[in-house]
Amino acid sequence: MFVRIHKTSNMPGIRNHKGSSAMLITYLRDKCMASEEYYDNFFSHDMCHITPAEVIQRLDNNHRRLKRKDDKFYRIFICPSQEELADLIRQVTGQQVTEFE
């Protein structure tokens, strides 16, 4: 499994993680719209659909105990291998998967 936490310098147009998350959400939506499969929503651990405006509001208001110069959010990539994906699908659905598109 490949896991990476992106630094702000790796994200075009995003100077830091200290201000509003609006630029990050716009960047993610633009990237998604450019891909073949377009999804116009975000998700959390307890909700399947969260609007971009709600994501921005939640991230920007999540600042208890944070100082002005502290990062408020991070961007992380978690890229499981095909074997790990097959195992996750089997655990969730109970079905064995051998091919991916």
N, C-alpha and C. Protein backbone atom coordinates (compact mmCIF):
# COMPACT_ATOMS: atom_id res chain seq x y z
N MET A 1 0.85 -1.18 0.00
CA MET A 1 0.00 0.00 0.00
C MET A 1 0.89 1.23 0.00
N PHE A 2 0.53 2.20 -0.81
CA PHE A 2 1.25 3.45 -0.91
C PHE A 2 0.46 4.52 -0.17
N VAL A 3 1.09 5.20 0.78
CA VAL A 3 0.44 6.28 1.53
C VAL A 3 1.35 7.50 1.46
N ARG A 4 0.75 8.65 1.17
CA ARG A 4 1.54 9.87 1.08
C ARG A 4 0.73 11.05 1.60
N ILE A 5 1.37 11.86 2.44
CA ILE A 5 0.77 13.11 2.90
C ILE A 5 1.42 14.22 2.09
N HIS A 6 0.60 14.98 1.37
CA HIS A 6 1.12 16.01 0.47
C HIS A 6 1.46 17.29 1.21
N LYS A 7 2.58 17.83 0.85
CA LYS A 7 2.97 19.16 1.34
C LYS A 7 2.26 20.19 0.48
N THR A 8 2.11 21.38 0.99
CA THR A 8 1.42 22.42 0.23
C THR A 8 2.15 22.78 -1.05
N SER A 9 3.45 22.62 -1.08
CA SER A 9 4.21 22.97 -2.29
C SER A 9 3.86 22.06 -3.46
N ASN A 10 3.25 20.89 -3.20
CA ASN A 10 2.87 19.96 -4.25
C ASN A 10 1.50 20.25 -4.83
N MET A 11 0.81 21.25 -4.32
CA MET A 11 -0.55 21.54 -4.76
C MET A 11 -0.60 22.89 -5.45
N PRO A 12 -0.80 22.91 -6.76
CA PRO A 12 -0.83 24.18 -7.48
C PRO A 12 -1.91 25.13 -6.96
N GLY A 13 -1.54 26.37 -6.74
CA GLY A 13 -2.51 27.39 -6.33
C GLY A 13 -2.84 27.38 -4.85
N ILE A 14 -2.27 26.46 -4.09
CA ILE A 14 -2.56 26.39 -2.66
C ILE A 14 -1.28 26.73 -1.91
N ARG A 15 -1.28 27.84 -1.21
CA ARG A 15 -0.07 28.32 -0.56
C ARG A 15 0.22 27.58 0.74
N ASN A 16 -0.81 27.31 1.53
CA ASN A 16 -0.60 26.64 2.82
C ASN A 16 -1.91 26.04 3.31
N HIS A 17 -1.84 25.36 4.43
CA HIS A 17 -3.02 24.73 5.04
C HIS A 17 -3.51 25.54 6.23
N LYS A 18 -3.13 26.79 6.31
CA LYS A 18 -3.42 27.59 7.49
C LYS A 18 -4.67 28.45 7.35
N GLY A 19 -5.07 28.77 6.13
CA GLY A 19 -6.25 29.61 5.93
C GLY A 19 -7.47 28.78 5.61
N SER A 20 -8.30 29.28 4.72
CA SER A 20 -9.51 28.58 4.32
C SER A 20 -9.17 27.38 3.45
N SER A 21 -10.01 26.37 3.52
CA SER A 21 -9.83 25.17 2.70
C SER A 21 -10.50 25.32 1.33
N ALA A 22 -11.08 26.47 1.04
CA ALA A 22 -11.84 26.67 -0.20
C ALA A 22 -10.99 26.41 -1.44
N MET A 23 -9.73 26.85 -1.45
CA MET A 23 -8.88 26.63 -2.62
C MET A 23 -8.61 25.14 -2.82
N LEU A 24 -8.42 24.40 -1.73
CA LEU A 24 -8.19 22.96 -1.83
C LEU A 24 -9.43 22.26 -2.39
N ILE A 25 -10.60 22.60 -1.89
CA ILE A 25 -11.84 21.97 -2.36
C ILE A 25 -12.07 22.28 -3.83
N THR A 26 -11.81 23.52 -4.24
CA THR A 26 -11.93 23.88 -5.66
C THR A 26 -10.94 23.08 -6.50
N TYR A 27 -9.72 22.95 -6.02
CA TYR A 27 -8.70 22.16 -6.73
C TYR A 27 -9.15 20.71 -6.88
N LEU A 28 -9.65 20.11 -5.81
CA LEU A 28 -10.09 18.71 -5.87
C LEU A 28 -11.27 18.54 -6.81
N ARG A 29 -12.22 19.46 -6.79
CA ARG A 29 -13.37 19.37 -7.70
C ARG A 29 -12.93 19.51 -9.15
N ASP A 30 -12.01 20.44 -9.43
CA ASP A 30 -11.50 20.61 -10.79
C ASP A 30 -10.79 19.35 -11.27
N LYS A 31 -9.99 18.74 -10.40
CA LYS A 31 -9.29 17.49 -10.76
C LYS A 31 -10.30 16.39 -11.06
N CYS A 32 -11.34 16.31 -10.25
CA CYS A 32 -12.35 15.28 -10.41
C CYS A 32 -13.14 15.50 -11.70
N MET A 33 -13.49 16.73 -12.00
CA MET A 33 -14.25 17.03 -13.22
C MET A 33 -13.44 16.69 -14.47
N ALA A 34 -12.12 16.77 -14.37
CA ALA A 34 -11.26 16.48 -15.52
C ALA A 34 -11.10 14.98 -15.75
N SER A 35 -11.43 14.18 -14.74
CA SER A 35 -11.27 12.73 -14.89
C SER A 35 -12.48 12.13 -15.62
N GLU A 36 -12.31 10.90 -16.06
CA GLU A 36 -13.39 10.22 -16.78
C GLU A 36 -14.59 9.97 -15.87
N GLU A 37 -14.32 9.56 -14.65
CA GLU A 37 -15.40 9.31 -13.70
C GLU A 37 -15.56 10.55 -12.83
N TYR A 38 -16.71 11.19 -12.90
CA TYR A 38 -16.93 12.44 -12.18
C TYR A 38 -17.85 12.19 -10.99
N TYR A 39 -17.39 12.59 -9.82
CA TYR A 39 -18.19 12.49 -8.61
C TYR A 39 -18.32 13.89 -8.03
N ASP A 40 -19.54 14.34 -7.84
CA ASP A 40 -19.76 15.70 -7.36
C ASP A 40 -20.09 15.71 -5.87
N ASN A 41 -19.39 14.91 -5.10
CA ASN A 41 -19.63 14.94 -3.67
C ASN A 41 -18.41 14.48 -2.92
N PHE A 42 -18.44 14.75 -1.64
CA PHE A 42 -17.42 14.31 -0.72
C PHE A 42 -18.10 13.38 0.27
N PHE A 43 -17.31 12.69 1.08
CA PHE A 43 -17.88 11.78 2.06
C PHE A 43 -17.07 11.84 3.35
N SER A 44 -17.68 11.32 4.41
CA SER A 44 -16.99 11.25 5.70
C SER A 44 -17.20 9.86 6.27
N HIS A 45 -16.78 9.69 7.50
CA HIS A 45 -16.93 8.38 8.14
C HIS A 45 -18.38 8.03 8.41
N ASP A 46 -19.28 9.01 8.41
CA ASP A 46 -20.69 8.71 8.72
C ASP A 46 -21.69 9.22 7.67
N MET A 47 -21.20 9.87 6.61
CA MET A 47 -22.11 10.39 5.58
C MET A 47 -21.56 10.06 4.19
N CYS A 48 -22.46 9.65 3.29
CA CYS A 48 -22.04 9.31 1.93
C CYS A 48 -22.00 10.51 1.01
N HIS A 49 -22.74 11.56 1.31
CA HIS A 49 -22.76 12.74 0.45
C HIS A 49 -22.65 14.00 1.29
N ILE A 50 -21.60 14.76 1.04
CA ILE A 50 -21.42 16.05 1.71
C ILE A 50 -21.11 17.06 0.61
N THR A 51 -21.81 18.17 0.59
CA THR A 51 -21.59 19.17 -0.45
C THR A 51 -20.23 19.85 -0.24
N PRO A 52 -19.66 20.39 -1.31
CA PRO A 52 -18.39 21.11 -1.17
C PRO A 52 -18.48 22.27 -0.17
N ALA A 53 -19.60 22.99 -0.16
CA ALA A 53 -19.76 24.10 0.78
C ALA A 53 -19.72 23.61 2.23
N GLU A 54 -20.33 22.46 2.48
CA GLU A 54 -20.31 21.91 3.84
C GLU A 54 -18.91 21.43 4.23
N VAL A 55 -18.18 20.87 3.27
CA VAL A 55 -16.80 20.44 3.54
C VAL A 55 -15.96 21.65 3.94
N ILE A 56 -16.07 22.73 3.18
CA ILE A 56 -15.31 23.94 3.49
C ILE A 56 -15.69 24.46 4.87
N GLN A 57 -16.98 24.51 5.16
CA GLN A 57 -17.45 25.01 6.46
C GLN A 57 -16.91 24.15 7.60
N ARG A 58 -16.97 22.83 7.44
CA ARG A 58 -16.49 21.94 8.51
C ARG A 58 -14.99 22.06 8.72
N LEU A 59 -14.23 22.09 7.63
CA LEU A 59 -12.77 22.21 7.76
C LEU A 59 -12.38 23.55 8.35
N ASP A 60 -12.98 24.62 7.86
CA ASP A 60 -12.60 25.96 8.31
C ASP A 60 -13.01 26.23 9.76
N ASN A 61 -14.05 25.56 10.24
CA ASN A 61 -14.49 25.77 11.62
C ASN A 61 -13.91 24.75 12.59
N ASN A 62 -13.07 23.87 12.11
CA ASN A 62 -12.44 22.87 12.96
C ASN A 62 -11.09 23.43 13.44
N HIS A 63 -11.14 24.36 14.37
CA HIS A 63 -9.91 25.02 14.78
C HIS A 63 -9.76 25.13 16.29
N ARG A 64 -10.42 24.29 17.05
CA ARG A 64 -10.23 24.31 18.49
C ARG A 64 -8.76 24.05 18.82
N ARG A 65 -8.22 24.83 19.67
CA ARG A 65 -6.85 24.72 20.15
C ARG A 65 -5.78 24.92 19.08
N LEU A 66 -6.16 25.32 17.89
CA LEU A 66 -5.16 25.60 16.86
C LEU A 66 -4.76 27.06 16.92
N LYS A 67 -3.50 27.29 16.74
CA LYS A 67 -3.01 28.66 16.68
C LYS A 67 -3.08 29.15 15.24
N ARG A 68 -2.92 30.43 15.05
CA ARG A 68 -3.04 31.03 13.72
C ARG A 68 -2.10 30.39 12.70
N LYS A 69 -0.90 30.00 13.11
CA LYS A 69 0.09 29.45 12.18
C LYS A 69 0.04 27.93 12.06
N ASP A 70 -0.87 27.27 12.76
CA ASP A 70 -0.99 25.81 12.68
C ASP A 70 -1.75 25.39 11.42
N ASP A 71 -1.37 24.24 10.86
CA ASP A 71 -2.11 23.69 9.73
C ASP A 71 -3.49 23.26 10.19
N LYS A 72 -4.51 23.53 9.36
CA LYS A 72 -5.89 23.18 9.69
C LYS A 72 -6.36 21.93 8.97
N PHE A 73 -5.68 21.55 7.91
CA PHE A 73 -6.09 20.36 7.16
C PHE A 73 -4.89 19.81 6.40
N TYR A 74 -5.00 18.55 6.01
CA TYR A 74 -3.97 17.86 5.25
C TYR A 74 -4.61 17.12 4.09
N ARG A 75 -3.83 16.82 3.08
CA ARG A 75 -4.30 16.01 1.96
C ARG A 75 -3.47 14.74 1.95
N ILE A 76 -4.14 13.60 1.99
CA ILE A 76 -3.46 12.32 2.07
C ILE A 76 -3.95 11.40 0.95
N PHE A 77 -3.02 10.70 0.34
CA PHE A 77 -3.35 9.68 -0.65
C PHE A 77 -3.11 8.32 -0.02
N ILE A 78 -4.10 7.44 -0.13
CA ILE A 78 -3.96 6.05 0.29
C ILE A 78 -4.27 5.21 -0.93
N CYS A 79 -3.27 4.52 -1.44
CA CYS A 79 -3.40 3.76 -2.69
C CYS A 79 -3.12 2.29 -2.44
N PRO A 80 -4.17 1.51 -2.16
CA PRO A 80 -3.95 0.07 -1.93
C PRO A 80 -3.62 -0.66 -3.23
N SER A 81 -2.92 -1.78 -3.09
CA SER A 81 -2.61 -2.62 -4.25
C SER A 81 -3.87 -3.35 -4.69
N GLN A 82 -3.82 -4.01 -5.85
CA GLN A 82 -4.98 -4.76 -6.32
C GLN A 82 -5.34 -5.88 -5.36
N GLU A 83 -4.34 -6.51 -4.77
CA GLU A 83 -4.61 -7.57 -3.79
C GLU A 83 -5.32 -7.01 -2.56
N GLU A 84 -4.87 -5.85 -2.10
CA GLU A 84 -5.51 -5.23 -0.94
C GLU A 84 -6.93 -4.78 -1.26
N LEU A 85 -7.13 -4.24 -2.47
CA LEU A 85 -8.49 -3.87 -2.88
C LEU A 85 -9.40 -5.09 -2.93
N ALA A 86 -8.91 -6.18 -3.50
CA ALA A 86 -9.71 -7.40 -3.58
C ALA A 86 -10.08 -7.89 -2.18
N ASP A 87 -9.14 -7.81 -1.24
CA ASP A 87 -9.42 -8.24 0.13
C ASP A 87 -10.44 -7.32 0.79
N LEU A 88 -10.34 -6.01 0.57
CA LEU A 88 -11.32 -5.07 1.12
C LEU A 88 -12.71 -5.34 0.57
N ILE A 89 -12.80 -5.57 -0.74
CA ILE A 89 -14.10 -5.86 -1.37
C ILE A 89 -14.67 -7.15 -0.80
N ARG A 90 -13.82 -8.15 -0.62
CA ARG A 90 -14.29 -9.42 -0.06
C ARG A 90 -14.80 -9.23 1.36
N GLN A 91 -14.10 -8.44 2.16
CA GLN A 91 -14.52 -8.20 3.54
C GLN A 91 -15.86 -7.46 3.61
N VAL A 92 -16.06 -6.50 2.72
CA VAL A 92 -17.27 -5.67 2.75
C VAL A 92 -18.46 -6.38 2.11
N THR A 93 -18.24 -7.00 0.94
CA THR A 93 -19.36 -7.57 0.18
C THR A 93 -19.48 -9.08 0.30
N GLY A 94 -18.41 -9.72 0.73
CA GLY A 94 -18.41 -11.18 0.79
C GLY A 94 -18.18 -11.83 -0.56
N GLN A 95 -17.89 -11.04 -1.59
CA GLN A 95 -17.67 -11.57 -2.94
C GLN A 95 -16.19 -11.53 -3.29
N GLN A 96 -15.74 -12.57 -3.97
CA GLN A 96 -14.36 -12.64 -4.42
C GLN A 96 -14.21 -11.88 -5.74
N VAL A 97 -13.23 -11.01 -5.85
CA VAL A 97 -12.98 -10.24 -7.06
C VAL A 97 -11.61 -10.63 -7.60
N THR A 98 -11.55 -10.89 -8.90
CA THR A 98 -10.26 -11.26 -9.50
C THR A 98 -9.79 -10.26 -10.55
N GLU A 99 -10.72 -9.47 -11.12
CA GLU A 99 -10.35 -8.52 -12.17
C GLU A 99 -10.86 -7.12 -11.83
N PHE A 100 -10.07 -6.13 -12.21
CA PHE A 100 -10.44 -4.73 -12.04
C PHE A 100 -10.43 -4.06 -13.40
N GLU A 101 -11.33 -3.11 -13.60
CA GLU A 101 -11.34 -2.37 -14.87
C GLU A 101 -10.37 -1.23 -14.83
